[in-house]
Each structure stands twice: as C-alpha cells, then as structure tokens.
Amino acid sequence: MKVLVIEDNENVCSMIDMFFINEGINGTFVHDGKEGYERAMAEDWDLLIIDWMLPGMDGVTICRKIREEQNNVPIIILTAKDSESDQVLGLEMGADDYVTKPFSPLALMARIKAVMRRAQYTTQGEVPKDVVQTKHFKVNKETREVWLDDEQIMNLTPKEFDLLIFFLQHPRQVFSREQILDQVWGYQFYGDERTVDVHIKRLRKKLGKENQPFFHTVWGVGYKFDELVDK
C-alpha cells in the first residue's frame, strides 16, 4: 500500500509514520503543497492524505486539480477547520473523506484500512466478477466501469462508485446515514453524516437527469435509490 501524505507539520507526520510502520504501509511524506501535488500526479498511489492548510498550494486546491485531471485516487483530507461549510467544501472538491484535527491516530487508521480493504478486494479479485444491470445502469464491478443509458460515466471517484453500487444492489430500500457510513465507508458513525450528504449531492449532479434524480431523500430517515420513479 503506497500512501502519499502531504502535511507540513512534521510532528503530525512522525506520528502517522509510526503507525504506518506498525501497519506495514509504505508512506511518503511531503511538506509543501505544490511539491505534493507534483508527486501525486507523477506517481501511482493507493491513497493520498492531504492537509488543508499547506504552503505553496492548499489541500483543497490540490484535491480539485487532481480530480480535474480525472485522477480517481482515494483522498482523505486532514483539516483543523471544523465548520460544516468547510468540511462540505473539501468533500465537494473531490475528497472521499476528512479527518478533523486534532485526531486520534487509531481513528485515522480505521479510515485508511477501510480504503485498503476496498482496494485489496478489487486487486485480488474478491469482488464478484459480474455486471449489475438495471433500467438505466450497467456496472462492471470488476473493472469498476459505469454506463448510464449506454453512455459511459468516467468521472466517478472510488467512493462515489462504491456508494452507487451499494444502492444499485439495494433498490428502493431506505437507509439512514449511519447505515450508509457503516456499509460503504466501513466504519461506525462518528458524527460524519455530512460526508454522506455531500456524496449523494455529487452523485445526483453527475448521474441525475433533469427529471430523474435517482437518489431520493426520505425526510427524517435517510436516503433511498429508485430509478423507476420519474418526476
């Protein structure tokens, strides 16, 4: 597992590196945003961990530029900004998850391990090699390719793909945000329900047609996926 950490606080880097060594993760640490962005684009990584406030280039800009290049590597944002609007901004720029400073290294490792499990399943072929096909969608779970009404969708992040396939396999079932975090993100609910909201919003924008949002809000409960209901 190759992980690039772009973080200017050397104490934070040392702490993360200690846990990486214990977990057998190959970590590379860069302290400047511009240099980190260049390293992120120049090499293949399994995961990027990016601090929000960086010299040279801030983490949200790095995240946005990476996604503009159609690079779908999983990204975790580290941020001391704890307001809801800041967290939503980071997710809307393409981050798959965020961890608020100060953070527990064990909590960060839980997030990383969830990403690692999904990556290992895909690499080792543990994901069933079949195609999920519905009224509007065709998804190859092995190659992680998505078609919507015969048009291939190329700009989904890994987390957006995971969320889509989860709902495709559970049509018209209502799930709370906590259940979605547990099933798709791979960890229990820790007050991160805005993570689900932002990813649903992004999928609606990328997949939804004018008269068909696909993802429906069930007020007071959560969300359901229903492609058979047209407005």
Protein backbone atom coordinates (compact mmCIF):
# COMPACT_ATOMS: atom_id res chain seq x y z
CA MET A 1 0.00 0.00 0.00
CA LYS A 2 1.62 3.25 -1.19
CA VAL A 3 0.33 6.33 0.61
CA LEU A 4 1.39 9.91 -0.08
CA VAL A 5 0.97 12.25 2.91
CA ILE A 6 1.09 15.97 2.13
CA GLU A 7 1.38 17.60 5.56
CA ASP A 8 3.62 20.48 6.69
CA ASN A 9 3.54 19.64 10.40
CA GLU A 10 6.49 17.34 10.97
CA ASN A 11 5.20 16.17 14.35
CA VAL A 12 1.97 15.01 12.73
CA CYS A 13 3.99 13.28 10.01
CA SER A 14 6.14 11.50 12.59
CA MET A 15 3.05 10.27 14.43
CA ILE A 16 1.43 9.00 11.23
CA ASP A 17 4.69 7.39 10.09
CA MET A 18 4.95 5.47 13.36
CA PHE A 19 1.52 3.95 12.79
CA PHE A 20 2.33 3.30 9.12
CA ILE A 21 5.39 1.30 10.15
CA ASN A 22 3.31 -0.78 12.57
CA GLU A 23 0.73 -1.46 9.83
CA GLY A 24 3.24 -2.16 7.07
CA ILE A 25 2.18 0.83 4.99
CA ASN A 26 4.70 2.42 2.65
CA GLY A 27 4.35 6.13 3.44
CA THR A 28 5.94 9.05 1.62
CA PHE A 29 5.80 12.47 3.33
CA VAL A 30 5.93 15.84 1.57
CA HIS A 31 5.69 19.15 3.44
CA ASP A 32 4.92 21.58 0.59
CA GLY A 33 1.62 21.72 -1.26
CA LYS A 34 2.98 22.40 -4.74
CA GLU A 35 5.61 19.68 -4.44
CA GLY A 36 2.98 17.32 -3.05
CA TYR A 37 0.66 17.94 -5.99
CA GLU A 38 3.50 17.25 -8.43
CA ARG A 39 4.37 13.99 -6.64
CA ALA A 40 0.71 12.99 -6.56
CA MET A 41 0.41 13.40 -10.32
CA ALA A 42 3.82 11.95 -11.22
CA GLU A 43 3.44 8.58 -9.47
CA ASP A 44 0.79 5.95 -8.82
CA TRP A 45 -0.58 5.96 -5.27
CA ASP A 46 -3.13 3.84 -3.46
CA LEU A 47 -4.20 6.71 -1.21
CA LEU A 48 -3.50 10.41 -0.66
CA ILE A 49 -3.72 12.07 2.76
CA ILE A 50 -3.68 15.85 2.32
CA ASP A 51 -3.66 18.61 4.93
CA TRP A 52 -5.96 21.54 4.18
CA MET A 53 -3.56 24.36 5.14
CA LEU A 54 -0.27 23.98 3.28
CA PRO A 55 2.48 26.27 1.98
CA GLY A 56 2.73 26.53 -1.77
CA MET A 57 -0.75 25.17 -2.54
CA ASP A 58 -3.62 24.44 -0.16
CA GLY A 59 -5.06 20.96 0.17
CA VAL A 60 -8.48 21.76 -1.29
CA THR A 61 -6.84 23.17 -4.43
CA ILE A 62 -4.67 20.05 -4.69
CA CYS A 63 -7.76 17.89 -4.41
CA ARG A 64 -9.66 19.90 -7.03
CA LYS A 65 -6.77 19.86 -9.51
CA ILE A 66 -6.29 16.09 -9.09
CA ARG A 67 -9.97 15.47 -9.85
CA GLU A 68 -9.84 17.82 -12.84
CA GLU A 69 -7.19 15.51 -14.28
CA GLN A 70 -9.66 12.59 -13.96
CA ASN A 71 -7.42 11.01 -11.33
CA ASN A 72 -9.68 8.96 -9.06
CA VAL A 73 -7.16 8.00 -6.36
CA PRO A 74 -8.85 7.96 -2.92
CA ILE A 75 -8.22 11.13 -0.92
CA ILE A 76 -8.52 11.83 2.80
CA ILE A 77 -8.37 15.48 3.85
CA LEU A 78 -6.84 16.45 7.22
CA THR A 79 -8.27 19.72 8.48
CA ALA A 80 -8.30 21.92 11.56
CA LYS A 81 -11.39 23.59 10.08
CA ASP A 82 -14.33 22.08 11.91
CA SER A 83 -17.19 24.13 10.50
CA GLU A 84 -19.77 22.27 8.46
CA SER A 85 -19.31 24.56 5.45
CA ASP A 86 -15.54 23.95 5.35
CA GLN A 87 -15.98 20.19 5.55
CA VAL A 88 -18.60 20.25 2.82
CA LEU A 89 -16.26 22.32 0.63
CA GLY A 90 -13.50 19.75 0.98
CA LEU A 91 -15.83 16.92 0.00
CA GLU A 92 -17.27 18.87 -2.92
CA MET A 93 -13.76 19.40 -4.27
CA GLY A 94 -13.42 15.63 -4.57
CA ALA A 95 -12.18 14.31 -1.23
CA ASP A 96 -13.54 10.90 -0.27
CA ASP A 97 -13.34 11.56 3.46
CA TYR A 98 -11.99 14.02 6.01
CA VAL A 99 -10.47 13.78 9.47
CA THR A 100 -10.66 16.78 11.78
CA LYS A 101 -7.60 17.86 13.79
CA PRO A 102 -6.71 17.07 16.47
CA PHE A 103 -7.40 13.45 15.55
CA SER A 104 -6.79 10.05 17.05
CA PRO A 105 -4.23 8.05 15.04
CA LEU A 106 -6.42 5.00 15.58
CA ALA A 107 -9.39 6.78 14.01
CA LEU A 108 -7.24 7.79 11.03
CA MET A 109 -6.01 4.21 10.64
CA ALA A 110 -9.63 2.99 10.69
CA ARG A 111 -10.41 5.26 7.74
CA ILE A 112 -7.27 4.17 5.90
CA LYS A 113 -7.98 0.48 6.50
CA ALA A 114 -11.47 0.87 5.08
CA VAL A 115 -9.94 2.20 1.87
CA MET A 116 -7.28 -0.51 1.90
CA ARG A 117 -9.91 -3.26 2.17
CA ARG A 118 -11.76 -1.96 -0.87
CA ALA A 119 -8.51 -1.66 -2.84
CA GLN A 120 -7.44 -5.18 -1.87
CA TYR A 121 -10.82 -6.65 -2.83
CA THR A 122 -10.53 -5.13 -6.29
CA THR A 123 -6.88 -6.14 -6.78
CA GLN A 124 -7.29 -9.69 -5.53
CA GLY A 125 -10.49 -10.30 -7.45
CA GLU A 126 -12.59 -10.77 -4.34
CA VAL A 127 -15.28 -8.53 -5.77
CA PRO A 128 -17.65 -10.75 -7.75
CA LYS A 129 -16.78 -10.61 -11.45
CA ASP A 130 -20.22 -9.79 -12.71
CA VAL A 131 -22.24 -7.00 -14.17
CA VAL A 132 -25.08 -5.24 -12.39
CA GLN A 133 -27.70 -4.12 -14.89
CA THR A 134 -30.85 -2.15 -14.16
CA LYS A 135 -33.29 0.01 -16.10
CA HIS A 136 -30.79 2.84 -16.61
CA PHE A 137 -27.46 1.49 -15.34
CA LYS A 138 -24.91 -1.11 -16.31
CA VAL A 139 -21.97 -1.51 -13.92
CA ASN A 140 -18.99 -3.85 -14.21
CA LYS A 141 -17.92 -4.49 -10.63
CA GLU A 142 -14.57 -5.97 -11.62
CA THR A 143 -13.40 -3.15 -13.91
CA ARG A 144 -15.41 -0.52 -11.99
CA GLU A 145 -16.91 0.88 -15.17
CA VAL A 146 -20.32 2.57 -15.20
CA TRP A 147 -22.74 3.18 -18.06
CA LEU A 148 -25.87 5.29 -17.76
CA ASP A 149 -28.28 4.68 -20.64
CA ASP A 150 -25.38 3.33 -22.75
CA GLU A 151 -23.19 6.40 -22.06
CA GLN A 152 -20.08 5.64 -20.02
CA ILE A 153 -19.60 7.74 -16.89
CA MET A 154 -15.88 8.46 -16.49
CA ASN A 155 -15.62 10.90 -13.58
CA LEU A 156 -16.74 8.92 -10.52
CA THR A 157 -14.37 8.79 -7.57
CA PRO A 158 -13.79 5.39 -5.90
CA LYS A 159 -16.13 6.33 -3.05
CA GLU A 160 -18.83 7.51 -5.43
CA PHE A 161 -18.59 4.18 -7.28
CA ASP A 162 -18.86 2.24 -4.01
CA LEU A 163 -21.90 4.28 -2.98
CA LEU A 164 -23.58 3.81 -6.36
CA ILE A 165 -23.07 0.03 -6.43
CA PHE A 166 -24.38 -0.23 -2.86
CA PHE A 167 -27.63 1.49 -3.79
CA LEU A 168 -27.95 -0.37 -7.10
CA GLN A 169 -27.84 -3.62 -5.12
CA HIS A 170 -30.48 -2.35 -2.67
CA PRO A 171 -33.09 -0.58 -4.84
CA ARG A 172 -35.94 1.25 -3.12
CA GLN A 173 -34.60 0.36 0.34
CA VAL A 174 -34.32 3.24 2.80
CA PHE A 175 -31.02 3.61 4.67
CA SER A 176 -30.02 6.02 7.41
CA ARG A 177 -26.78 7.96 7.10
CA GLU A 178 -25.30 5.84 9.87
CA GLN A 179 -26.11 2.63 7.96
CA ILE A 180 -24.62 4.04 4.75
CA LEU A 181 -21.39 5.03 6.54
CA ASP A 182 -21.13 1.56 8.04
CA GLN A 183 -21.82 -0.29 4.78
CA VAL A 184 -19.96 1.92 2.30
CA TRP A 185 -17.24 3.67 4.30
CA GLY A 186 -16.58 0.67 6.51
CA TYR A 187 -16.68 2.31 9.94
CA GLN A 188 -19.26 3.17 12.53
CA PHE A 189 -20.93 6.56 12.70
CA TYR A 190 -18.76 9.26 14.33
CA GLY A 191 -20.78 12.36 13.52
CA ASP A 192 -19.82 12.37 9.83
CA GLU A 193 -23.30 12.39 8.32
CA ARG A 194 -22.41 15.36 6.13
CA THR A 195 -19.99 13.04 4.32
CA VAL A 196 -22.98 11.03 3.09
CA ASP A 197 -24.98 14.15 2.20
CA VAL A 198 -22.19 15.60 0.06
CA HIS A 199 -21.52 12.33 -1.78
CA ILE A 200 -25.22 11.93 -2.54
CA LYS A 201 -25.27 15.51 -3.82
CA ARG A 202 -22.28 14.84 -6.08
CA LEU A 203 -23.81 11.63 -7.46
CA ARG A 204 -27.08 13.43 -8.14
CA LYS A 205 -25.17 16.04 -10.12
CA LYS A 206 -23.08 13.53 -12.07
CA LEU A 207 -25.78 10.93 -12.72
CA GLY A 208 -29.16 12.57 -12.33
CA LYS A 209 -31.16 13.59 -15.32
CA GLU A 210 -33.42 16.63 -15.29
CA ASN A 211 -36.50 14.56 -14.47
CA GLN A 212 -34.79 11.70 -12.63
CA PRO A 213 -32.60 12.33 -9.56
CA PHE A 214 -32.24 8.57 -8.73
CA PHE A 215 -31.29 9.34 -5.11
CA HIS A 216 -34.31 10.33 -3.05
CA THR A 217 -34.34 11.93 0.39
CA VAL A 218 -36.59 10.24 2.93
CA TRP A 219 -37.12 13.03 5.43
CA GLY A 220 -36.23 12.13 9.00
CA VAL A 221 -34.66 8.83 7.96
CA GLY A 222 -32.06 8.99 5.19
CA TYR A 223 -31.94 8.07 1.50
CA LYS A 224 -33.20 5.54 -0.99
CA PHE A 225 -32.29 4.80 -4.60
CA ASP A 226 -35.18 4.46 -7.05
CA GLU A 227 -34.67 4.78 -10.81
CA LEU A 228 -38.21 3.70 -11.62
CA VAL A 229 -39.84 6.85 -10.29
CA ASP A 230 -39.84 9.82 -12.67
CA LYS A 231 -40.95 13.26 -11.61
